Protein backbone atom coordinates (compact mmCIF):
# COMPACT_ATOMS: atom_id res chain seq x y z
CA MET A 1 139.61 -8.79 26.87
CA PRO A 2 140.20 -12.34 27.04
CA ARG A 3 137.34 -14.36 25.68
CA PHE A 4 136.23 -17.61 27.13
CA LYS A 5 134.19 -20.19 24.75
CA PRO A 6 132.51 -23.00 26.39
CA LYS A 7 133.34 -26.47 24.77
CA GLY A 8 131.05 -27.19 22.04
CA ALA A 9 130.05 -23.40 21.30
CA LEU A 10 133.11 -22.69 19.03
CA GLU A 11 130.93 -23.45 15.95
CA ARG A 12 128.24 -21.11 16.67
CA THR A 13 127.78 -17.43 16.42
CA ALA A 14 126.51 -15.36 19.55
CA ALA A 15 123.18 -15.11 17.99
CA GLU A 16 122.96 -18.59 17.43
CA ASP A 17 123.87 -19.23 20.98
CA LEU A 18 121.64 -16.66 22.45
CA TRP A 19 118.79 -18.36 20.57
CA LYS A 20 119.60 -21.94 21.43
CA HIS A 21 120.27 -21.28 25.57
CA THR A 22 117.88 -18.25 26.01
CA LEU A 23 115.22 -16.83 23.66
CA SER A 24 114.03 -20.30 22.36
CA ARG A 25 113.22 -20.97 26.17
CA ILE A 26 110.95 -17.88 26.37
CA PRO A 27 107.46 -19.33 25.45
CA THR A 28 106.33 -16.08 23.76
CA ILE A 29 107.25 -13.62 21.15
CA TYR A 30 106.59 -10.72 23.46
CA GLY A 31 108.34 -12.12 26.21
CA ARG A 32 111.25 -12.41 24.21
CA LEU A 33 111.18 -8.79 23.25
CA VAL A 34 110.59 -7.85 27.23
CA TYR A 35 113.76 -9.71 27.78
CA LEU A 36 115.59 -8.40 25.18
CA THR A 37 114.55 -4.83 26.15
CA SER A 38 115.97 -5.73 29.60
CA LEU A 39 119.49 -6.15 28.40
CA ARG A 40 119.52 -2.83 26.85
CA ASP A 41 120.90 -0.02 29.05
CA VAL A 42 118.74 2.72 29.98
CA ASN A 43 121.65 5.16 30.14
CA SER A 44 123.70 4.47 27.10
CA GLY A 45 121.30 2.21 25.20
CA LEU A 46 124.22 -0.38 24.92
CA TYR A 47 122.91 -4.12 25.14
CA ARG A 48 124.67 -6.42 27.84
CA HIS A 49 124.82 -9.86 28.54
CA HIS A 50 127.70 -11.04 30.71
CA GLY A 51 127.78 -14.81 29.65
CA LEU A 52 127.65 -14.00 26.21
CA SER A 53 130.37 -11.22 26.27
CA LEU A 54 132.70 -13.94 28.04
CA ALA A 55 132.11 -16.34 25.31
CA PHE A 56 132.00 -14.32 22.32
CA GLY A 57 133.36 -10.74 23.13
CA ARG A 58 131.61 -7.51 23.95
CA ASP A 59 131.28 -6.54 20.30
CA GLU A 60 129.53 -9.73 18.83
CA SER A 61 127.64 -9.98 21.78
CA THR A 62 126.44 -6.50 21.59
CA LYS A 63 125.58 -7.05 17.61
CA ALA A 64 123.63 -10.38 18.48
CA LEU A 65 121.70 -8.73 21.27
CA LYS A 66 120.74 -5.56 19.04
CA GLU A 67 120.18 -7.83 15.80
CA SER A 68 117.83 -10.15 17.96
CA HIS A 69 115.74 -7.34 19.51
CA GLN A 70 115.04 -5.98 16.23
CA ARG A 71 114.22 -9.21 14.60
CA THR A 72 111.88 -10.00 17.54
CA PHE A 73 110.20 -6.94 17.36
CA LEU A 74 109.62 -7.14 13.72
CA GLU A 75 108.18 -10.57 14.23
CA TRP A 76 105.66 -9.27 16.60
CA LEU A 77 104.89 -6.64 14.41
CA ASN A 78 104.21 -8.87 11.73
CA LEU A 79 101.61 -11.10 13.64
CA PRO A 80 98.22 -10.55 13.26
CA LEU A 81 96.34 -8.49 15.80
CA ALA A 82 94.48 -11.76 17.22
CA GLU A 83 97.65 -13.58 17.39
CA LYS A 84 99.19 -10.56 19.37
CA ASN A 85 96.54 -10.67 21.82
CA GLN A 86 97.05 -14.43 22.29
CA ASP A 87 100.60 -14.31 22.50
CA PHE A 88 100.16 -11.21 25.28
CA MET A 89 97.73 -12.98 27.07
CA LEU A 90 100.17 -15.88 27.54
CA TYR A 91 103.04 -13.49 28.44
CA LEU A 92 100.63 -11.93 31.07
CA ASP A 93 99.51 -15.39 32.46
CA ALA A 94 103.44 -16.24 33.23
CA LEU A 95 103.61 -13.07 35.35
CA GLN A 96 103.41 -13.24 39.33
CA GLU A 97 101.41 -10.31 39.57
CA PRO A 98 97.31 -10.09 38.61
CA ARG A 99 96.99 -9.25 35.10
CA LEU A 100 94.59 -6.11 36.11
CA LEU A 101 97.65 -4.48 38.14
CA VAL A 102 100.14 -4.80 35.41
CA VAL A 103 97.98 -3.91 32.57
CA ASP A 104 96.65 -0.42 34.76
CA HIS A 105 100.38 -0.14 35.46
CA TRP A 106 101.38 0.01 31.86
CA LEU A 107 98.65 2.16 30.75
CA ARG A 108 99.61 4.69 33.19
CA SER A 109 103.28 4.39 32.49
CA LYS A 110 103.46 3.83 28.99
CA LEU A 111 106.24 1.36 29.81
CA TYR A 112 105.68 -0.57 26.69
CA LYS A 113 107.29 2.41 24.74
CA THR A 114 110.78 1.41 26.03
CA GLN A 115 110.45 -1.87 24.03
CA VAL A 116 111.13 -0.48 20.78
CA PRO A 117 114.55 -0.89 19.31
CA VAL A 118 116.31 2.39 18.51
CA SER A 119 116.70 1.18 14.89
CA ALA A 120 113.09 0.93 14.51
CA ARG A 121 111.46 3.35 11.86
CA MET A 122 108.97 5.72 13.21
CA VAL A 123 105.88 4.25 11.38
CA GLU A 124 106.85 1.01 13.19
CA ARG A 125 107.14 2.68 16.62
CA GLU A 126 104.05 4.17 16.08
CA LEU A 127 102.18 0.94 14.91
CA PHE A 128 103.69 -0.93 17.99
CA ASN A 129 102.75 1.53 20.46
CA HIS A 130 99.13 2.10 19.22
CA GLU A 131 98.32 -1.85 19.13
CA LEU A 132 99.87 -2.35 22.67
CA GLU A 133 97.76 0.48 24.13
CA LEU A 134 94.63 -0.93 22.30
CA LEU A 135 95.26 -4.58 23.60
CA LEU A 136 96.16 -3.25 27.28
CA GLN A 137 92.95 -1.05 27.28
CA THR A 138 90.86 -4.11 25.59
CA ILE A 139 92.22 -6.72 28.15
CA ARG A 140 91.69 -3.99 30.77
CA ASN A 141 88.06 -3.54 29.84
CA GLY A 142 87.64 -7.34 29.72
CA LEU A 143 88.99 -7.63 33.29
CA HIS A 144 86.57 -5.16 34.51
CA ALA A 145 83.58 -6.64 32.85
CA ALA A 146 84.57 -10.07 34.34
CA GLU A 147 84.34 -8.80 37.90
CA PRO A 148 81.04 -9.81 39.75
CA ILE A 149 78.41 -6.86 39.86
CA ARG A 150 78.15 -5.51 43.41
CA VAL A 151 74.69 -5.04 44.42
CA ALA A 152 74.20 -3.00 47.36
CA SER A 153 71.85 -4.34 49.91
CA PRO A 154 68.86 -2.70 51.02
CA LEU A 155 68.82 -0.88 54.24
CA ALA A 156 66.59 -2.90 56.61
């Protein structure tokens, strides 16, 4: 397959290009994790990014996406829980849907489990899933607690 390399990109690797033009512009680590997960085909597990493939070829593009996903996942895992909470809240704030709707959906669907790279070890997978569920439940409880208390009006 012919490869097209934009002028100025000849010196960069696919991973460097991905970071410079895409990942560095996503303000949260969790947002980068979600983005990279979205590039993994649910049927095959292969990563696909049309522009990156055109510029660097399919193999190099796939390798860069897979390695970036793993690196971002480990970066998230290595954050202290308080920083994960902060990062995750910033991610939620950037979404168009209300926090409570998203959090409830994620707790029901367990969507976050799909964000773990295939290469992750079982202990990493379990830690990620446990902490995400903890964060989601904590956020949900906080959102419910922040709702105004409705007092039934006395019957006249």
